Amino acid sequence: KSQSAERVVLQFHYTNWPDHGTLEHPLPILSFVRQSAAANPIGAGLIIVHCSAG
């Protein structure tokens, strides 16, 4: 039998992106990207990004 390894999953939501549009100013999303990247330890793997439609 193989043993399961414990994993920690962090999920971030950026809720200010307008449907069918773009942001008026880039600074809020850039700050969000920096903060979420800082929470991802080195070697933890990739960050996955998708829109609200999936």
PDB file of N, CA and C in Angstrom:
ATOM      1  N   LYS A   1       0.828  -1.193   0.000  1.00  0.00           N
ATOM      2  CA  LYS A   1       0.000   0.000   0.000  1.00  0.00           C
ATOM      3  C   LYS A   1       0.871   1.255   0.000  1.00  0.00           C
ATOM      4  N   SER A   2       0.466   2.222  -0.759  1.00  0.00           N
ATOM      5  CA  SER A   2       1.186   3.494  -0.744  1.00  0.00           C
ATOM      6  C   SER A   2       0.621   4.374   0.372  1.00  0.00           C
ATOM      7  N   GLN A   3       1.479   5.204   0.914  1.00  0.00           N
ATOM      8  CA  GLN A   3       1.046   6.104   1.976  1.00  0.00           C
ATOM      9  C   GLN A   3       0.728   7.468   1.387  1.00  0.00           C
ATOM     10  N   SER A   4      -0.283   8.100   1.932  1.00  0.00           N
ATOM     11  CA  SER A   4      -0.659   9.436   1.481  1.00  0.00           C
ATOM     12  C   SER A   4       0.174  10.478   2.208  1.00  0.00           C
ATOM     13  N   ALA A   5       0.638  11.443   1.469  1.00  0.00           N
ATOM     14  CA  ALA A   5       1.380  12.553   2.061  1.00  0.00           C
ATOM     15  C   ALA A   5       0.405  13.691   2.351  1.00  0.00           C
ATOM     16  N   GLU A   6       0.594  14.337   3.468  1.00  0.00           N
ATOM     17  CA  GLU A   6      -0.251  15.475   3.806  1.00  0.00           C
ATOM     18  C   GLU A   6       0.162  16.664   2.952  1.00  0.00           C
ATOM     19  N   ARG A   7      -0.822  17.401   2.483  1.00  0.00           N
ATOM     20  CA  ARG A   7      -0.554  18.586   1.662  1.00  0.00           C
ATOM     21  C   ARG A   7      -1.331  19.768   2.206  1.00  0.00           C
ATOM     22  N   VAL A   8      -0.763  20.918   2.055  1.00  0.00           N
ATOM     23  CA  VAL A   8      -1.431  22.156   2.439  1.00  0.00           C
ATOM     24  C   VAL A   8      -1.800  22.875   1.150  1.00  0.00           C
ATOM     25  N   VAL A   9      -3.065  23.229   1.018  1.00  0.00           N
ATOM     26  CA  VAL A   9      -3.545  23.930  -0.170  1.00  0.00           C
ATOM     27  C   VAL A   9      -4.056  25.300   0.264  1.00  0.00           C
ATOM     28  N   LEU A  10      -3.543  26.333  -0.378  1.00  0.00           N
ATOM     29  CA  LEU A  10      -4.019  27.690  -0.130  1.00  0.00           C
ATOM     30  C   LEU A  10      -4.822  28.136  -1.338  1.00  0.00           C
ATOM     31  N   GLN A  11      -5.954  28.753  -1.095  1.00  0.00           N
ATOM     32  CA  GLN A  11      -6.803  29.223  -2.185  1.00  0.00           C
ATOM     33  C   GLN A  11      -7.059  30.708  -1.975  1.00  0.00           C
ATOM     34  N   PHE A  12      -6.789  31.494  -3.012  1.00  0.00           N
ATOM     35  CA  PHE A  12      -6.981  32.934  -2.960  1.00  0.00           C
ATOM     36  C   PHE A  12      -8.035  33.326  -3.990  1.00  0.00           C
ATOM     37  N   HIS A  13      -8.847  34.304  -3.645  1.00  0.00           N
ATOM     38  CA  HIS A  13      -9.880  34.799  -4.561  1.00  0.00           C
ATOM     39  C   HIS A  13      -9.678  36.299  -4.762  1.00  0.00           C
ATOM     40  N   TYR A  14      -9.583  36.719  -6.010  1.00  0.00           N
ATOM     41  CA  TYR A  14      -9.577  38.148  -6.320  1.00  0.00           C
ATOM     42  C   TYR A  14     -10.979  38.471  -6.808  1.00  0.00           C
ATOM     43  N   THR A  15     -11.743  39.175  -6.003  1.00  0.00           N
ATOM     44  CA  THR A  15     -13.172  39.365  -6.281  1.00  0.00           C
ATOM     45  C   THR A  15     -13.508  40.696  -6.949  1.00  0.00           C
ATOM     46  N   ASN A  16     -12.513  41.520  -7.243  1.00  0.00           N
ATOM     47  CA  ASN A  16     -12.798  42.833  -7.826  1.00  0.00           C
ATOM     48  C   ASN A  16     -12.612  42.903  -9.334  1.00  0.00           C
ATOM     49  N   TRP A  17     -12.464  41.752  -9.989  1.00  0.00           N
ATOM     50  CA  TRP A  17     -12.307  41.768 -11.444  1.00  0.00           C
ATOM     51  C   TRP A  17     -13.699  41.878 -12.068  1.00  0.00           C
ATOM     52  N   PRO A  18     -13.936  42.869 -12.930  1.00  0.00           N
ATOM     53  CA  PRO A  18     -15.267  43.034 -13.523  1.00  0.00           C
ATOM     54  C   PRO A  18     -15.566  41.946 -14.563  1.00  0.00           C
ATOM     55  N   ASP A  19     -16.815  41.457 -14.566  1.00  0.00           N
ATOM     56  CA  ASP A  19     -17.223  40.494 -15.588  1.00  0.00           C
ATOM     57  C   ASP A  19     -17.139  41.143 -16.969  1.00  0.00           C
ATOM     58  N   HIS A  20     -16.611  40.428 -17.920  1.00  0.00           N
ATOM     59  CA  HIS A  20     -16.523  40.878 -19.318  1.00  0.00           C
ATOM     60  C   HIS A  20     -15.782  42.204 -19.443  1.00  0.00           C
ATOM     61  N   GLY A  21     -14.749  42.402 -18.632  1.00  0.00           N
ATOM     62  CA  GLY A  21     -14.023  43.658 -18.704  1.00  0.00           C
ATOM     63  C   GLY A  21     -12.606  43.521 -18.191  1.00  0.00           C
ATOM     64  N   THR A  22     -11.967  44.653 -18.058  1.00  0.00           N
ATOM     65  CA  THR A  22     -10.604  44.703 -17.533  1.00  0.00           C
ATOM     66  C   THR A  22     -10.561  45.691 -16.377  1.00  0.00           C
ATOM     67  N   LEU A  23      -9.499  45.604 -15.616  1.00  0.00           N
ATOM     68  CA  LEU A  23      -9.337  46.518 -14.494  1.00  0.00           C
ATOM     69  C   LEU A  23      -8.982  47.912 -14.988  1.00  0.00           C
ATOM     70  N   GLU A  24      -9.474  48.908 -14.279  1.00  0.00           N
ATOM     71  CA  GLU A  24      -9.151  50.283 -14.636  1.00  0.00           C
ATOM     72  C   GLU A  24      -7.711  50.626 -14.244  1.00  0.00           C
ATOM     73  N   HIS A  25      -7.268  50.080 -13.105  1.00  0.00           N
ATOM     74  CA  HIS A  25      -5.915  50.318 -12.606  1.00  0.00           C
ATOM     75  C   HIS A  25      -5.264  48.981 -12.266  1.00  0.00           C
ATOM     76  N   PRO A  26      -4.006  48.762 -12.638  1.00  0.00           N
ATOM     77  CA  PRO A  26      -3.362  47.466 -12.408  1.00  0.00           C
ATOM     78  C   PRO A  26      -2.816  47.250 -10.992  1.00  0.00           C
ATOM     79  N   LEU A  27      -2.654  48.296 -10.194  1.00  0.00           N
ATOM     80  CA  LEU A  27      -1.986  48.144  -8.901  1.00  0.00           C
ATOM     81  C   LEU A  27      -2.669  47.153  -7.952  1.00  0.00           C
ATOM     82  N   PRO A  28      -4.004  47.132  -7.840  1.00  0.00           N
ATOM     83  CA  PRO A  28      -4.616  46.160  -6.924  1.00  0.00           C
ATOM     84  C   PRO A  28      -4.331  44.706  -7.304  1.00  0.00           C
ATOM     85  N   ILE A  29      -4.372  44.372  -8.578  1.00  0.00           N
ATOM     86  CA  ILE A  29      -4.120  42.979  -8.977  1.00  0.00           C
ATOM     87  C   ILE A  29      -2.635  42.655  -8.837  1.00  0.00           C
ATOM     88  N   LEU A  30      -1.756  43.608  -9.095  1.00  0.00           N
ATOM     89  CA  LEU A  30      -0.324  43.368  -8.907  1.00  0.00           C
ATOM     90  C   LEU A  30      -0.003  43.104  -7.437  1.00  0.00           C
ATOM     91  N   SER A  31      -0.644  43.831  -6.555  1.00  0.00           N
ATOM     92  CA  SER A  31      -0.471  43.602  -5.121  1.00  0.00           C
ATOM     93  C   SER A  31      -0.977  42.218  -4.736  1.00  0.00           C
ATOM     94  N   PHE A  32      -2.112  41.820  -5.287  1.00  0.00           N
ATOM     95  CA  PHE A  32      -2.677  40.494  -5.025  1.00  0.00           C
ATOM     96  C   PHE A  32      -1.725  39.394  -5.503  1.00  0.00           C
ATOM     97  N   VAL A  33      -1.157  39.563  -6.673  1.00  0.00           N
ATOM     98  CA  VAL A  33      -0.220  38.577  -7.220  1.00  0.00           C
ATOM     99  C   VAL A  33       1.012  38.475  -6.323  1.00  0.00           C
ATOM    100  N   ARG A  34       1.543  39.604  -5.898  1.00  0.00           N
ATOM    101  CA  ARG A  34       2.717  39.585  -5.012  1.00  0.00           C
ATOM    102  C   ARG A  34       2.412  38.879  -3.695  1.00  0.00           C
ATOM    103  N   GLN A  35       1.265  39.178  -3.108  1.00  0.00           N
ATOM    104  CA  GLN A  35       0.899  38.571  -1.827  1.00  0.00           C
ATOM    105  C   GLN A  35       0.675  37.073  -1.956  1.00  0.00           C
ATOM    106  N   SER A  36       0.003  36.647  -3.010  1.00  0.00           N
ATOM    107  CA  SER A  36      -0.244  35.218  -3.178  1.00  0.00           C
ATOM    108  C   SER A  36       1.051  34.480  -3.506  1.00  0.00           C
ATOM    109  N   ALA A  37       1.939  35.089  -4.271  1.00  0.00           N
ATOM    110  CA  ALA A  37       3.227  34.460  -4.574  1.00  0.00           C
ATOM    111  C   ALA A  37       4.085  34.359  -3.312  1.00  0.00           C
ATOM    112  N   ALA A  38       4.022  35.358  -2.448  1.00  0.00           N
ATOM    113  CA  ALA A  38       4.797  35.336  -1.206  1.00  0.00           C
ATOM    114  C   ALA A  38       4.320  34.228  -0.267  1.00  0.00           C
ATOM    115  N   ALA A  39       3.057  33.840  -0.374  1.00  0.00           N
ATOM    116  CA  ALA A  39       2.504  32.782   0.472  1.00  0.00           C
ATOM    117  C   ALA A  39       2.834  31.392  -0.057  1.00  0.00           C
ATOM    118  N   ASN A  40       3.426  31.309  -1.254  1.00  0.00           N
ATOM    119  CA  ASN A  40       3.760  30.029  -1.878  1.00  0.00           C
ATOM    120  C   ASN A  40       5.242  29.732  -1.637  1.00  0.00           C
ATOM    121  N   PRO A  41       5.551  28.804  -0.712  1.00  0.00           N
ATOM    122  CA  PRO A  41       6.957  28.519  -0.400  1.00  0.00           C
ATOM    123  C   PRO A  41       7.730  27.989  -1.611  1.00  0.00           C
ATOM    124  N   ILE A  42       9.026  28.204  -1.613  1.00  0.00           N
ATOM    125  CA  ILE A  42       9.888  27.699  -2.682  1.00  0.00           C
ATOM    126  C   ILE A  42       9.758  26.181  -2.745  1.00  0.00           C
ATOM    127  N   GLY A  43       9.561  25.665  -3.937  1.00  0.00           N
ATOM    128  CA  GLY A  43       9.439  24.227  -4.131  1.00  0.00           C
ATOM    129  C   GLY A  43       8.042  23.679  -3.891  1.00  0.00           C
ATOM    130  N   ALA A  44       7.087  24.562  -3.583  1.00  0.00           N
ATOM    131  CA  ALA A  44       5.729  24.099  -3.288  1.00  0.00           C
ATOM    132  C   ALA A  44       4.947  23.757  -4.547  1.00  0.00           C
ATOM    133  N   GLY A  45       5.394  24.225  -5.683  1.00  0.00           N
ATOM    134  CA  GLY A  45       4.683  23.946  -6.923  1.00  0.00           C
ATOM    135  C   GLY A  45       4.155  25.215  -7.560  1.00  0.00           C
ATOM    136  N   LEU A  46       3.441  25.018  -8.632  1.00  0.00           N
ATOM    137  CA  LEU A  46       2.928  26.128  -9.421  1.00  0.00           C
ATOM    138  C   LEU A  46       1.681  26.740  -8.805  1.00  0.00           C
ATOM    139  N   ILE A  47       1.411  27.977  -9.182  1.00  0.00           N
ATOM    140  CA  ILE A  47       0.167  28.648  -8.829  1.00  0.00           C
ATOM    141  C   ILE A  47      -0.753  28.531 -10.036  1.00  0.00           C
ATOM    142  N   ILE A  48      -1.976  28.115  -9.801  1.00  0.00           N
ATOM    143  CA  ILE A  48      -2.957  27.963 -10.876  1.00  0.00           C
ATOM    144  C   ILE A  48      -3.909  29.149 -10.826  1.00  0.00           C
ATOM    145  N   VAL A  49      -4.184  29.730 -11.992  1.00  0.00           N
ATOM    146  CA  VAL A  49      -5.070  30.891 -12.095  1.00  0.00           C
ATOM    147  C   VAL A  49      -6.182  30.561 -13.075  1.00  0.00           C
ATOM    148  N   HIS A  50      -7.416  30.909 -12.712  1.00  0.00           N
ATOM    149  CA  HIS A  50      -8.520  30.761 -13.662  1.00  0.00           C
ATOM    150  C   HIS A  50      -9.570  31.824 -13.402  1.00  0.00           C
ATOM    151  N   CYS A  51     -10.422  32.054 -14.381  1.00  0.00           N
ATOM    152  CA  CYS A  51     -11.452  33.078 -14.263  1.00  0.00           C
ATOM    153  C   CYS A  51     -12.651  32.531 -13.485  1.00  0.00           C
ATOM    154  N   SER A  52     -13.599  33.405 -13.196  1.00  0.00           N
ATOM    155  CA  SER A  52     -14.766  32.995 -12.414  1.00  0.00           C
ATOM    156  C   SER A  52     -15.634  31.985 -13.154  1.00  0.00           C
ATOM    157  N   ALA A  53     -15.496  31.915 -14.471  1.00  0.00           N
ATOM    158  CA  ALA A  53     -16.263  30.940 -15.247  1.00  0.00           C
ATOM    159  C   ALA A  53     -15.605  29.562 -15.226  1.00  0.00           C
ATOM    160  N   GLY A  54     -14.433  29.474 -14.625  1.00  0.00           N
ATOM    161  CA  GLY A  54     -13.758  28.189 -14.483  1.00  0.00           C
ATOM    162  C   GLY A  54     -12.623  28.033 -15.422  1.00  0.00           C
TER     163      GLY A  54
END
